[in-house]
Amino acid sequence: MSTPEEQPNPEDALARARAARAEMAAALEEDQEPEPDEPVGWQPIWKRPRKPKSKAAKKAELRKQRKRLQGAGKRRLAAAQSRRPRSRQNRIGNAAARRDARALSRVRHSTTWLW
């Protein structure tokens, strides 16, 4: 067991905490934001201060976005067009070709011999 001399005195710890309280409060009180002219180190993009864009930059960005979205719309339309049902004539031709291919396949894979 430890002797009473080795145990820390609770009053001493309390006095040290009270002395450090003012220092901690000062550290928390000080301005968190850096001065505008003060150079800051690397910061992630979401913490960097925002620079307002010029009108020309905004318009250029919107132009780019519009072009991108229009391109996507054209691609989507082309994809939808390619899935459209084909004309009836086309389907009939394909069905007949499929029937012929099926008949040929049956003949080819059948076990009966045609002599």
PDB file of N, CA and C in Angstrom:
ATOM      1  N   MET A   1       0.833  -1.195   0.000  1.00  0.00           N
ATOM      2  CA  MET A   1       0.000   0.000   0.000  1.00  0.00           C
ATOM      3  C   MET A   1       0.864   1.239   0.000  1.00  0.00           C
ATOM      4  N   SER A   2       0.357   2.279  -0.569  1.00  0.00           N
ATOM      5  CA  SER A   2       1.148   3.503  -0.613  1.00  0.00           C
ATOM      6  C   SER A   2       0.944   4.285   0.681  1.00  0.00           C
ATOM      7  N   THR A   3       1.951   4.983   0.983  1.00  0.00           N
ATOM      8  CA  THR A   3       1.897   5.780   2.208  1.00  0.00           C
ATOM      9  C   THR A   3       1.224   7.115   1.911  1.00  0.00           C
ATOM     10  N   PRO A   4       0.681   7.780   2.919  1.00  0.00           N
ATOM     11  CA  PRO A   4       0.011   9.060   2.682  1.00  0.00           C
ATOM     12  C   PRO A   4       0.918  10.107   2.058  1.00  0.00           C
ATOM     13  N   GLU A   5       2.254  10.015   2.285  1.00  0.00           N
ATOM     14  CA  GLU A   5       3.161  11.022   1.701  1.00  0.00           C
ATOM     15  C   GLU A   5       3.221  10.897   0.177  1.00  0.00           C
ATOM     16  N   GLU A   6       3.060   9.662  -0.340  1.00  0.00           N
ATOM     17  CA  GLU A   6       3.170   9.455  -1.792  1.00  0.00           C
ATOM     18  C   GLU A   6       1.903   9.892  -2.533  1.00  0.00           C
ATOM     19  N   GLN A   7       0.767   9.907  -1.864  1.00  0.00           N
ATOM     20  CA  GLN A   7      -0.488  10.273  -2.529  1.00  0.00           C
ATOM     21  C   GLN A   7      -0.526  11.781  -2.791  1.00  0.00           C
ATOM     22  N   PRO A   8      -0.992  12.195  -3.968  1.00  0.00           N
ATOM     23  CA  PRO A   8      -1.058  13.633  -4.256  1.00  0.00           C
ATOM     24  C   PRO A   8      -2.130  14.296  -3.405  1.00  0.00           C
ATOM     25  N   ASN A   9      -1.858  15.499  -3.013  1.00  0.00           N
ATOM     26  CA  ASN A   9      -2.776  16.245  -2.169  1.00  0.00           C
ATOM     27  C   ASN A   9      -3.892  16.827  -3.044  1.00  0.00           C
ATOM     28  N   PRO A  10      -5.172  16.549  -2.755  1.00  0.00           N
ATOM     29  CA  PRO A  10      -6.251  17.076  -3.592  1.00  0.00           C
ATOM     30  C   PRO A  10      -6.281  18.599  -3.618  1.00  0.00           C
ATOM     31  N   GLU A  11      -5.898  19.252  -2.483  1.00  0.00           N
ATOM     32  CA  GLU A  11      -5.902  20.711  -2.476  1.00  0.00           C
ATOM     33  C   GLU A  11      -4.870  21.280  -3.451  1.00  0.00           C
ATOM     34  N   ASP A  12      -3.685  20.595  -3.528  1.00  0.00           N
ATOM     35  CA  ASP A  12      -2.651  21.052  -4.471  1.00  0.00           C
ATOM     36  C   ASP A  12      -3.158  20.967  -5.915  1.00  0.00           C
ATOM     37  N   ALA A  13      -3.794  19.841  -6.229  1.00  0.00           N
ATOM     38  CA  ALA A  13      -4.309  19.653  -7.590  1.00  0.00           C
ATOM     39  C   ALA A  13      -5.358  20.721  -7.904  1.00  0.00           C
ATOM     40  N   LEU A  14      -6.214  21.007  -6.945  1.00  0.00           N
ATOM     41  CA  LEU A  14      -7.254  22.018  -7.134  1.00  0.00           C
ATOM     42  C   LEU A  14      -6.637  23.407  -7.345  1.00  0.00           C
ATOM     43  N   ALA A  15      -5.597  23.720  -6.580  1.00  0.00           N
ATOM     44  CA  ALA A  15      -4.928  25.020  -6.715  1.00  0.00           C
ATOM     45  C   ALA A  15      -4.262  25.137  -8.082  1.00  0.00           C
ATOM     46  N   ARG A  16      -3.626  24.048  -8.558  1.00  0.00           N
ATOM     47  CA  ARG A  16      -2.986  24.058  -9.890  1.00  0.00           C
ATOM     48  C   ARG A  16      -4.044  24.260 -10.983  1.00  0.00           C
ATOM     49  N   ALA A  17      -5.194  23.598 -10.837  1.00  0.00           N
ATOM     50  CA  ALA A  17      -6.261  23.727 -11.839  1.00  0.00           C
ATOM     51  C   ALA A  17      -6.787  25.148 -11.870  1.00  0.00           C
ATOM     52  N   ARG A  18      -6.961  25.757 -10.691  1.00  0.00           N
ATOM     53  CA  ARG A  18      -7.454  27.143 -10.639  1.00  0.00           C
ATOM     54  C   ARG A  18      -6.467  28.106 -11.277  1.00  0.00           C
ATOM     55  N   ALA A  19      -5.172  27.849 -11.067  1.00  0.00           N
ATOM     56  CA  ALA A  19      -4.145  28.719 -11.648  1.00  0.00           C
ATOM     57  C   ALA A  19      -4.151  28.592 -13.182  1.00  0.00           C
ATOM     58  N   ALA A  20      -4.387  27.391 -13.680  1.00  0.00           N
ATOM     59  CA  ALA A  20      -4.361  27.167 -15.135  1.00  0.00           C
ATOM     60  C   ALA A  20      -5.653  27.633 -15.798  1.00  0.00           C
ATOM     61  N   ARG A  21      -6.708  27.870 -14.981  1.00  0.00           N
ATOM     62  CA  ARG A  21      -8.006  28.248 -15.553  1.00  0.00           C
ATOM     63  C   ARG A  21      -7.918  29.542 -16.345  1.00  0.00           C
ATOM     64  N   ALA A  22      -7.236  30.518 -15.806  1.00  0.00           N
ATOM     65  CA  ALA A  22      -7.115  31.811 -16.495  1.00  0.00           C
ATOM     66  C   ALA A  22      -6.375  31.639 -17.819  1.00  0.00           C
ATOM     67  N   GLU A  23      -5.344  30.820 -17.802  1.00  0.00           N
ATOM     68  CA  GLU A  23      -4.557  30.571 -19.022  1.00  0.00           C
ATOM     69  C   GLU A  23      -5.418  29.887 -20.089  1.00  0.00           C
ATOM     70  N   MET A  24      -6.222  28.903 -19.663  1.00  0.00           N
ATOM     71  CA  MET A  24      -7.096  28.184 -20.599  1.00  0.00           C
ATOM     72  C   MET A  24      -8.156  29.128 -21.171  1.00  0.00           C
ATOM     73  N   ALA A  25      -8.719  29.972 -20.314  1.00  0.00           N
ATOM     74  CA  ALA A  25      -9.744  30.907 -20.768  1.00  0.00           C
ATOM     75  C   ALA A  25      -9.161  31.878 -21.783  1.00  0.00           C
ATOM     76  N   ALA A  26      -7.939  32.331 -21.550  1.00  0.00           N
ATOM     77  CA  ALA A  26      -7.288  33.260 -22.482  1.00  0.00           C
ATOM     78  C   ALA A  26      -7.070  32.583 -23.831  1.00  0.00           C
ATOM     79  N   ALA A  27      -6.674  31.303 -23.794  1.00  0.00           N
ATOM     80  CA  ALA A  27      -6.438  30.573 -25.041  1.00  0.00           C
ATOM     81  C   ALA A  27      -7.749  30.411 -25.816  1.00  0.00           C
ATOM     82  N   LEU A  28      -8.857  30.169 -25.102  1.00  0.00           N
ATOM     83  CA  LEU A  28     -10.144  30.007 -25.774  1.00  0.00           C
ATOM     84  C   LEU A  28     -10.704  31.338 -26.253  1.00  0.00           C
ATOM     85  N   GLU A  29     -10.415  32.405 -25.522  1.00  0.00           N
ATOM     86  CA  GLU A  29     -10.945  33.722 -25.865  1.00  0.00           C
ATOM     87  C   GLU A  29     -10.290  34.292 -27.112  1.00  0.00           C
ATOM     88  N   GLU A  30      -9.017  33.959 -27.308  1.00  0.00           N
ATOM     89  CA  GLU A  30      -8.301  34.616 -28.407  1.00  0.00           C
ATOM     90  C   GLU A  30      -8.978  34.285 -29.739  1.00  0.00           C
ATOM     91  N   ASP A  31      -8.889  35.247 -30.639  1.00  0.00           N
ATOM     92  CA  ASP A  31      -9.591  35.164 -31.916  1.00  0.00           C
ATOM     93  C   ASP A  31      -9.154  33.925 -32.690  1.00  0.00           C
ATOM     94  N   GLN A  32     -10.129  33.106 -33.107  1.00  0.00           N
ATOM     95  CA  GLN A  32      -9.819  31.875 -33.831  1.00  0.00           C
ATOM     96  C   GLN A  32      -9.519  32.144 -35.302  1.00  0.00           C
ATOM     97  N   GLU A  33     -10.141  33.166 -35.852  1.00  0.00           N
ATOM     98  CA  GLU A  33      -9.938  33.481 -37.267  1.00  0.00           C
ATOM     99  C   GLU A  33      -8.605  34.208 -37.461  1.00  0.00           C
ATOM    100  N   PRO A  34      -7.823  33.808 -38.469  1.00  0.00           N
ATOM    101  CA  PRO A  34      -6.565  34.525 -38.724  1.00  0.00           C
ATOM    102  C   PRO A  34      -6.853  35.891 -39.339  1.00  0.00           C
ATOM    103  N   GLU A  35      -5.926  36.790 -39.174  1.00  0.00           N
ATOM    104  CA  GLU A  35      -6.062  38.124 -39.761  1.00  0.00           C
ATOM    105  C   GLU A  35      -6.032  38.004 -41.281  1.00  0.00           C
ATOM    106  N   PRO A  36      -6.730  38.883 -42.003  1.00  0.00           N
ATOM    107  CA  PRO A  36      -6.775  38.760 -43.471  1.00  0.00           C
ATOM    108  C   PRO A  36      -5.404  38.851 -44.128  1.00  0.00           C
ATOM    109  N   ASP A  37      -4.529  39.700 -43.599  1.00  0.00           N
ATOM    110  CA  ASP A  37      -3.205  39.841 -44.224  1.00  0.00           C
ATOM    111  C   ASP A  37      -2.215  38.807 -43.694  1.00  0.00           C
ATOM    112  N   GLU A  38      -2.590  38.085 -42.670  1.00  0.00           N
ATOM    113  CA  GLU A  38      -1.688  37.091 -42.079  1.00  0.00           C
ATOM    114  C   GLU A  38      -1.695  35.830 -42.943  1.00  0.00           C
ATOM    115  N   PRO A  39      -0.515  35.373 -43.405  1.00  0.00           N
ATOM    116  CA  PRO A  39      -0.500  34.173 -44.253  1.00  0.00           C
ATOM    117  C   PRO A  39      -0.831  32.928 -43.415  1.00  0.00           C
ATOM    118  N   VAL A  40      -1.687  32.091 -43.977  1.00  0.00           N
ATOM    119  CA  VAL A  40      -2.047  30.856 -43.278  1.00  0.00           C
ATOM    120  C   VAL A  40      -1.405  29.693 -44.016  1.00  0.00           C
ATOM    121  N   GLY A  41      -1.195  28.601 -43.302  1.00  0.00           N
ATOM    122  CA  GLY A  41      -0.625  27.418 -43.932  1.00  0.00           C
ATOM    123  C   GLY A  41      -1.657  26.735 -44.803  1.00  0.00           C
ATOM    124  N   TRP A  42      -1.388  25.510 -45.177  1.00  0.00           N
ATOM    125  CA  TRP A  42      -2.303  24.760 -46.014  1.00  0.00           C
ATOM    126  C   TRP A  42      -3.594  24.503 -45.261  1.00  0.00           C
ATOM    127  N   GLN A  43      -4.706  24.667 -45.930  1.00  0.00           N
ATOM    128  CA  GLN A  43      -6.002  24.378 -45.325  1.00  0.00           C
ATOM    129  C   GLN A  43      -6.823  23.575 -46.313  1.00  0.00           C
ATOM    130  N   PRO A  44      -7.663  22.672 -45.813  1.00  0.00           N
ATOM    131  CA  PRO A  44      -8.541  21.958 -46.746  1.00  0.00           C
ATOM    132  C   PRO A  44      -9.478  22.949 -47.417  1.00  0.00           C
ATOM    133  N   ILE A  45      -9.955  22.578 -48.585  1.00  0.00           N
ATOM    134  CA  ILE A  45     -10.715  23.526 -49.405  1.00  0.00           C
ATOM    135  C   ILE A  45     -11.969  24.020 -48.703  1.00  0.00           C
ATOM    136  N   TRP A  46     -12.591  23.174 -47.859  1.00  0.00           N
ATOM    137  CA  TRP A  46     -13.829  23.605 -47.212  1.00  0.00           C
ATOM    138  C   TRP A  46     -13.583  24.575 -46.066  1.00  0.00           C
ATOM    139  N   LYS A  47     -12.313  24.755 -45.669  1.00  0.00           N
ATOM    140  CA  LYS A  47     -12.025  25.710 -44.596  1.00  0.00           C
ATOM    141  C   LYS A  47     -11.451  27.020 -45.124  1.00  0.00           C
ATOM    142  N   ARG A  48     -11.145  27.043 -46.410  1.00  0.00           N
ATOM    143  CA  ARG A  48     -10.560  28.259 -46.972  1.00  0.00           C
ATOM    144  C   ARG A  48     -11.626  29.343 -47.091  1.00  0.00           C
ATOM    145  N   PRO A  49     -11.220  30.597 -46.909  1.00  0.00           N
ATOM    146  CA  PRO A  49     -12.215  31.667 -47.068  1.00  0.00           C
ATOM    147  C   PRO A  49     -12.662  31.754 -48.522  1.00  0.00           C
ATOM    148  N   ARG A  50     -13.919  32.074 -48.719  1.00  0.00           N
ATOM    149  CA  ARG A  50     -14.453  32.128 -50.080  1.00  0.00           C
ATOM    150  C   ARG A  50     -14.091  33.432 -50.749  1.00  0.00           C
ATOM    151  N   LYS A  51     -13.658  33.308 -52.001  1.00  0.00           N
ATOM    152  CA  LYS A  51     -13.387  34.499 -52.786  1.00  0.00           C
ATOM    153  C   LYS A  51     -14.580  34.698 -53.713  1.00  0.00           C
ATOM    154  N   PRO A  52     -15.212  35.857 -53.709  1.00  0.00           N
ATOM    155  CA  PRO A  52     -16.353  36.038 -54.619  1.00  0.00           C
ATOM    156  C   PRO A  52     -15.887  35.975 -56.066  1.00  0.00           C
ATOM    157  N   LYS A  53     -16.674  35.285 -56.903  1.00  0.00           N
ATOM    158  CA  LYS A  53     -16.307  35.155 -58.313  1.00  0.00           C
ATOM    159  C   LYS A  53     -16.734  36.399 -59.066  1.00  0.00           C
ATOM    160  N   SER A  54     -15.999  36.698 -60.114  1.00  0.00           N
ATOM    161  CA  SER A  54     -16.392  37.824 -60.958  1.00  0.00           C
ATOM    162  C   SER A  54     -17.597  37.399 -61.795  1.00  0.00           C
ATOM    163  N   LYS A  55     -18.290  38.379 -62.359  1.00  0.00           N
ATOM    164  CA  LYS A  55     -19.467  38.079 -63.177  1.00  0.00           C
ATOM    165  C   LYS A  55     -19.083  37.219 -64.375  1.00  0.00           C
ATOM    166  N   ALA A  56     -17.938  37.541 -64.972  1.00  0.00           N
ATOM    167  CA  ALA A  56     -17.490  36.793 -66.155  1.00  0.00           C
ATOM    168  C   ALA A  56     -17.201  35.338 -65.788  1.00  0.00           C
ATOM    169  N   ALA A  57     -16.574  35.134 -64.610  1.00  0.00           N
ATOM    170  CA  ALA A  57     -16.260  33.771 -64.177  1.00  0.00           C
ATOM    171  C   ALA A  57     -17.536  32.975 -63.916  1.00  0.00           C
ATOM    172  N   LYS A  58     -18.524  33.640 -63.297  1.00  0.00           N
ATOM    173  CA  LYS A  58     -19.809  32.985 -63.023  1.00  0.00           C
ATOM    174  C   LYS A  58     -20.479  32.567 -64.322  1.00  0.00           C
ATOM    175  N   LYS A  59     -20.488  33.506 -65.283  1.00  0.00           N
ATOM    176  CA  LYS A  59     -21.150  33.228 -66.567  1.00  0.00           C
ATOM    177  C   LYS A  59     -20.428  32.100 -67.301  1.00  0.00           C
ATOM    178  N   ALA A  60     -19.101  32.111 -67.238  1.00  0.00           N
ATOM    179  CA  ALA A  60     -18.330  31.053 -67.909  1.00  0.00           C
ATOM    180  C   ALA A  60     -18.647  29.701 -67.284  1.00  0.00           C
ATOM    181  N   GLU A  61     -18.746  29.675 -65.958  1.00  0.00           N
ATOM    182  CA  GLU A  61     -19.054  28.421 -65.256  1.00  0.00           C
ATOM    183  C   GLU A  61     -20.443  27.923 -65.638  1.00  0.00           C
ATOM    184  N   LEU A  62     -21.408  28.853 -65.695  1.00  0.00           N
ATOM    185  CA  LEU A  62     -22.775  28.460 -66.070  1.00  0.00           C
ATOM    186  C   LEU A  62     -22.830  27.969 -67.513  1.00  0.00           C
ATOM    187  N   ARG A  63     -22.057  28.627 -68.387  1.00  0.00           N
ATOM    188  CA  ARG A  63     -22.005  28.207 -69.794  1.00  0.00           C
ATOM    189  C   ARG A  63     -21.501  26.770 -69.899  1.00  0.00           C
ATOM    190  N   LYS A  64     -20.431  26.517 -69.138  1.00  0.00           N
ATOM    191  CA  LYS A  64     -19.824  25.177 -69.132  1.00  0.00           C
ATOM    192  C   LYS A  64     -20.831  24.141 -68.617  1.00  0.00           C
ATOM    193  N   GLN A  65     -21.521  24.499 -67.534  1.00  0.00           N
ATOM    194  CA  GLN A  65     -22.498  23.584 -66.933  1.00  0.00           C
ATOM    195  C   GLN A  65     -23.648  23.313 -67.905  1.00  0.00           C
ATOM    196  N   ARG A  66     -24.119  24.386 -68.575  1.00  0.00           N
ATOM    197  CA  ARG A  66     -25.210  24.223 -69.527  1.00  0.00           C
ATOM    198  C   ARG A  66     -24.806  23.286 -70.655  1.00  0.00           C
ATOM    199  N   LYS A  67     -23.575  23.473 -71.144  1.00  0.00           N
ATOM    200  CA  LYS A  67     -23.076  22.635 -72.240  1.00  0.00           C
ATOM    201  C   LYS A  67     -22.997  21.175 -71.795  1.00  0.00           C
ATOM    202  N   ARG A  68     -22.518  20.967 -70.567  1.00  0.00           N
ATOM    203  CA  ARG A  68     -22.382  19.616 -70.028  1.00  0.00           C
ATOM    204  C   ARG A  68     -23.754  18.949 -69.906  1.00  0.00           C
ATOM    205  N   LEU A  69     -24.737  19.711 -69.384  1.00  0.00           N
ATOM    206  CA  LEU A  69     -26.073  19.152 -69.198  1.00  0.00           C
ATOM    207  C   LEU A  69     -26.769  18.894 -70.540  1.00  0.00           C
ATOM    208  N   GLN A  70     -26.538  19.785 -71.510  1.00  0.00           N
ATOM    209  CA  GLN A  70     -27.145  19.574 -72.833  1.00  0.00           C
ATOM    210  C   GLN A  70     -26.561  18.330 -73.488  1.00  0.00           C
ATOM    211  N   GLY A  71     -25.259  18.149 -73.323  1.00  0.00           N
ATOM    212  CA  GLY A  71     -24.613  16.947 -73.876  1.00  0.00           C
ATOM    213  C   GLY A  71     -25.202  15.689 -73.259  1.00  0.00           C
ATOM    214  N   ALA A  72     -25.418  15.744 -71.934  1.00  0.00           N
ATOM    215  CA  ALA A  72     -25.991  14.582 -71.239  1.00  0.00           C
ATOM    216  C   ALA A  72     -27.404  14.320 -71.755  1.00  0.00           C
ATOM    217  N   GLY A  73     -28.169  15.405 -71.981  1.00  0.00           N
ATOM    218  CA  GLY A  73     -29.532  15.243 -72.493  1.00  0.00           C
ATOM    219  C   GLY A  73     -29.536  14.611 -73.874  1.00  0.00           C
ATOM    220  N   LYS A  74     -28.609  15.042 -74.728  1.00  0.00           N
ATOM    221  CA  LYS A  74     -28.528  14.475 -76.083  1.00  0.00           C
ATOM    222  C   LYS A  74     -28.174  12.992 -76.019  1.00  0.00           C
ATOM    223  N   ARG A  75     -27.225  12.655 -75.137  1.00  0.00           N
ATOM    224  CA  ARG A  75     -26.844  11.240 -75.007  1.00  0.00           C
ATOM    225  C   ARG A  75     -28.013  10.414 -74.498  1.00  0.00           C
ATOM    226  N   ARG A  76     -28.771  10.984 -73.535  1.00  0.00           N
ATOM    227  CA  ARG A  76     -29.911  10.263 -72.979  1.00  0.00           C
ATOM    228  C   ARG A  76     -30.975  10.047 -74.058  1.00  0.00           C
ATOM    229  N   LEU A  77     -31.182  11.076 -74.879  1.00  0.00           N
ATOM    230  CA  LEU A  77     -32.178  10.974 -75.944  1.00  0.00           C
ATOM    231  C   LEU A  77     -31.748   9.908 -76.948  1.00  0.00           C
ATOM    232  N   ALA A  78     -30.469   9.904 -77.303  1.00  0.00           N
ATOM    233  CA  ALA A  78     -29.966   8.920 -78.267  1.00  0.00           C
ATOM    234  C   ALA A  78     -30.133   7.509 -77.708  1.00  0.00           C
ATOM    235  N   ALA A  79     -29.888   7.354 -76.408  1.00  0.00           N
ATOM    236  CA  ALA A  79     -30.028   6.036 -75.782  1.00  0.00           C
ATOM    237  C   ALA A  79     -31.495   5.611 -75.800  1.00  0.00           C
ATOM    238  N   ALA A  80     -32.410   6.551 -75.567  1.00  0.00           N
ATOM    239  CA  ALA A  80     -33.832   6.224 -75.568  1.00  0.00           C
ATOM    240  C   ALA A  80     -34.290   5.869 -76.978  1.00  0.00           C
ATOM    241  N   GLN A  81     -33.755   6.596 -77.968  1.00  0.00           N
ATOM    242  CA  GLN A  81     -34.148   6.336 -79.360  1.00  0.00           C
ATOM    243  C   GLN A  81     -33.741   4.923 -79.759  1.00  0.00           C
ATOM    244  N   SER A  82     -32.581   4.486 -79.299  1.00  0.00           N
ATOM    245  CA  SER A  82     -32.093   3.172 -79.712  1.00  0.00           C
ATOM    246  C   SER A  82     -32.919   2.059 -79.078  1.00  0.00           C
ATOM    247  N   ARG A  83     -33.685   2.388 -78.015  1.00  0.00           N
ATOM    248  CA  ARG A  83     -34.510   1.360 -77.384  1.00  0.00           C
ATOM    249  C   ARG A  83     -35.956   1.398 -77.880  1.00  0.00           C
ATOM    250  N   ARG A  84     -36.244   2.285 -78.829  1.00  0.00           N
ATOM    251  CA  ARG A  84     -37.609   2.409 -79.346  1.00  0.00           C
ATOM    252  C   ARG A  84     -38.010   1.132 -80.061  1.00  0.00           C
ATOM    253  N   PRO A  85     -39.299   0.787 -80.030  1.00  0.00           N
ATOM    254  CA  PRO A  85     -39.726  -0.409 -80.764  1.00  0.00           C
ATOM    255  C   PRO A  85     -39.499  -0.219 -82.257  1.00  0.00           C
ATOM    256  N   ARG A  86     -39.078  -1.264 -82.915  1.00  0.00           N
ATOM    257  CA  ARG A  86     -38.798  -1.166 -84.356  1.00  0.00           C
ATOM    258  C   ARG A  86     -40.101  -1.247 -85.148  1.00  0.00           C
ATOM    259  N   SER A  87     -40.004  -0.950 -86.418  1.00  0.00           N
ATOM    260  CA  SER A  87     -41.197  -0.986 -87.267  1.00  0.00           C
ATOM    261  C   SER A  87     -41.673  -2.427 -87.415  1.00  0.00           C
ATOM    262  N   ARG A  88     -42.951  -2.573 -87.759  1.00  0.00           N
ATOM    263  CA  ARG A  88     -43.556  -3.912 -87.826  1.00  0.00           C
ATOM    264  C   ARG A  88     -42.861  -4.751 -88.896  1.00  0.00           C
ATOM    265  N   GLN A  89     -42.586  -4.139 -90.034  1.00  0.00           N
ATOM    266  CA  GLN A  89     -41.963  -4.858 -91.148  1.00  0.00           C
ATOM    267  C   GLN A  89     -40.641  -5.463 -90.694  1.00  0.00           C
ATOM    268  N   ASN A  90     -39.889  -4.669 -89.974  1.00  0.00           N
ATOM    269  CA  ASN A  90     -38.582  -5.111 -89.481  1.00  0.00           C
ATOM    270  C   ASN A  90     -38.745  -6.316 -88.552  1.00  0.00           C
ATOM    271  N   ARG A  91     -39.741  -6.237 -87.679  1.00  0.00           N
ATOM    272  CA  ARG A  91     -39.948  -7.330 -86.717  1.00  0.00           C
ATOM    273  C   ARG A  91     -40.343  -8.610 -87.421  1.00  0.00           C
ATOM    274  N   ILE A  92     -41.186  -8.482 -88.473  1.00  0.00           N
ATOM    275  CA  ILE A  92     -41.642  -9.676 -89.190  1.00  0.00           C
ATOM    276  C   ILE A  92     -40.442 -10.365 -89.832  1.00  0.00           C
ATOM    277  N   GLY A  93     -39.604  -9.565 -90.457  1.00  0.00           N
ATOM    278  CA  GLY A  93     -38.416 -10.139 -91.098  1.00  0.00           C
ATOM    279  C   GLY A  93     -37.553 -10.873 -90.087  1.00  0.00           C
ATOM    280  N   ASN A  94     -37.352 -10.264 -88.949  1.00  0.00           N
ATOM    281  CA  ASN A  94     -36.519 -10.890 -87.927  1.00  0.00           C
ATOM    282  C   ASN A  94     -37.151 -12.167 -87.406  1.00  0.00           C
ATOM    283  N   ALA A  95     -38.480 -12.139 -87.230  1.00  0.00           N
ATOM    284  CA  ALA A  95     -39.160 -13.320 -86.712  1.00  0.00           C
ATOM    285  C   ALA A  95     -39.011 -14.476 -87.690  1.00  0.00           C
ATOM    286  N   ALA A  96     -39.145 -14.177 -88.991  1.00  0.00           N
ATOM    287  CA  ALA A  96     -39.017 -15.232 -90.001  1.00  0.00           C
ATOM    288  C   ALA A  96     -37.597 -15.792 -89.988  1.00  0.00           C
ATOM    289  N   ALA A  97     -36.631 -14.903 -89.874  1.00  0.00           N
ATOM    290  CA  ALA A  97     -35.232 -15.351 -89.843  1.00  0.00           C
ATOM    291  C   ALA A  97     -34.989 -16.221 -88.617  1.00  0.00           C
ATOM    292  N   ARG A  98     -35.599 -15.811 -87.485  1.00  0.00           N
ATOM    293  CA  ARG A  98     -35.429 -16.601 -86.253  1.00  0.00           C
ATOM    294  C   ARG A  98     -36.045 -17.986 -86.410  1.00  0.00           C
ATOM    295  N   ARG A  99     -37.247 -18.027 -87.061  1.00  0.00           N
ATOM    296  CA  ARG A  99     -37.911 -19.323 -87.269  1.00  0.00           C
ATOM    297  C   ARG A  99     -37.044 -20.244 -88.114  1.00  0.00           C
ATOM    298  N   ASP A 100     -36.477 -19.675 -89.195  1.00  0.00           N
ATOM    299  CA  ASP A 100     -35.621 -20.474 -90.080  1.00  0.00           C
ATOM    300  C   ASP A 100     -34.420 -20.990 -89.321  1.00  0.00           C
ATOM    301  N   ALA A 101     -33.804 -20.098 -88.541  1.00  0.00           N
ATOM    302  CA  ALA A 101     -32.604 -20.485 -87.791  1.00  0.00           C
ATOM    303  C   ALA A 101     -32.947 -21.571 -86.786  1.00  0.00           C
ATOM    304  N   ARG A 102     -34.138 -21.453 -86.179  1.00  0.00           N
ATOM    305  CA  ARG A 102     -34.537 -22.450 -85.192  1.00  0.00           C
ATOM    306  C   ARG A 102     -34.735 -23.807 -85.861  1.00  0.00           C
ATOM    307  N   ALA A 103     -35.379 -23.787 -87.027  1.00  0.00           N
ATOM    308  CA  ALA A 103     -35.615 -25.048 -87.750  1.00  0.00           C
ATOM    309  C   ALA A 103     -34.289 -25.677 -88.152  1.00  0.00           C
ATOM    310  N   LEU A 104     -33.380 -24.869 -88.665  1.00  0.00           N
ATOM    311  CA  LEU A 104     -32.068 -25.394 -89.065  1.00  0.00           C
ATOM    312  C   LEU A 104     -31.329 -25.975 -87.869  1.00  0.00           C
ATOM    313  N   SER A 105     -31.438 -25.286 -86.750  1.00  0.00           N
ATOM    314  CA  SER A 105     -30.758 -25.740 -85.540  1.00  0.00           C
ATOM    315  C   SER A 105     -31.318 -27.085 -85.099  1.00  0.00           C
ATOM    316  N   ARG A 106     -32.659 -27.221 -85.198  1.00  0.00           N
ATOM    317  CA  ARG A 106     -33.282 -28.499 -84.808  1.00  0.00           C
ATOM    318  C   ARG A 106     -32.780 -29.629 -85.689  1.00  0.00           C
ATOM    319  N   VAL A 107     -32.703 -29.346 -86.970  1.00  0.00           N
ATOM    320  CA  VAL A 107     -32.228 -30.370 -87.908  1.00  0.00           C
ATOM    321  C   VAL A 107     -30.781 -30.718 -87.585  1.00  0.00           C
ATOM    322  N   ARG A 108     -29.974 -29.685 -87.328  1.00  0.00           N
ATOM    323  CA  ARG A 108     -28.551 -29.898 -87.100  1.00  0.00           C
ATOM    324  C   ARG A 108     -28.310 -30.713 -85.828  1.00  0.00           C
ATOM    325  N   HIS A 109     -29.127 -30.451 -84.782  1.00  0.00           N
ATOM    326  CA  HIS A 109     -28.886 -31.113 -83.504  1.00  0.00           C
ATOM    327  C   HIS A 109     -29.718 -32.366 -83.299  1.00  0.00           C
ATOM    328  N   SER A 110     -30.518 -32.705 -84.284  1.00  0.00           N
ATOM    329  CA  SER A 110     -31.363 -33.880 -84.091  1.00  0.00           C
ATOM    330  C   SER A 110     -30.513 -35.148 -84.214  1.00  0.00           C
ATOM    331  N   THR A 111     -30.999 -36.225 -83.597  1.00  0.00           N
ATOM    332  CA  THR A 111     -30.255 -37.499 -83.625  1.00  0.00           C
ATOM    333  C   THR A 111     -30.733 -38.383 -84.754  1.00  0.00           C
ATOM    334  N   THR A 112     -31.779 -37.943 -85.464  1.00  0.00           N
ATOM    335  CA  THR A 112     -32.265 -38.783 -86.567  1.00  0.00           C
ATOM    336  C   THR A 112     -31.405 -38.543 -87.777  1.00  0.00           C
ATOM    337  N   TRP A 113     -31.153 -39.616 -88.537  1.00  0.00           N
ATOM    338  CA  TRP A 113     -30.326 -39.499 -89.724  1.00  0.00           C
ATOM    339  C   TRP A 113     -31.223 -39.377 -90.934  1.00  0.00           C
ATOM    340  N   LEU A 114     -30.948 -38.399 -91.743  1.00  0.00           N
ATOM    341  CA  LEU A 114     -31.715 -38.234 -92.981  1.00  0.00           C
ATOM    342  C   LEU A 114     -30.856 -38.733 -94.124  1.00  0.00           C
ATOM    343  N   TRP A 115     -31.160 -39.969 -94.612  1.00  0.00           N
ATOM    344  CA  TRP A 115     -30.365 -40.531 -95.730  1.00  0.00           C
ATOM    345  C   TRP A 115     -31.083 -40.427 -97.008  1.00  0.00           C
TER     346      TRP A 115
END
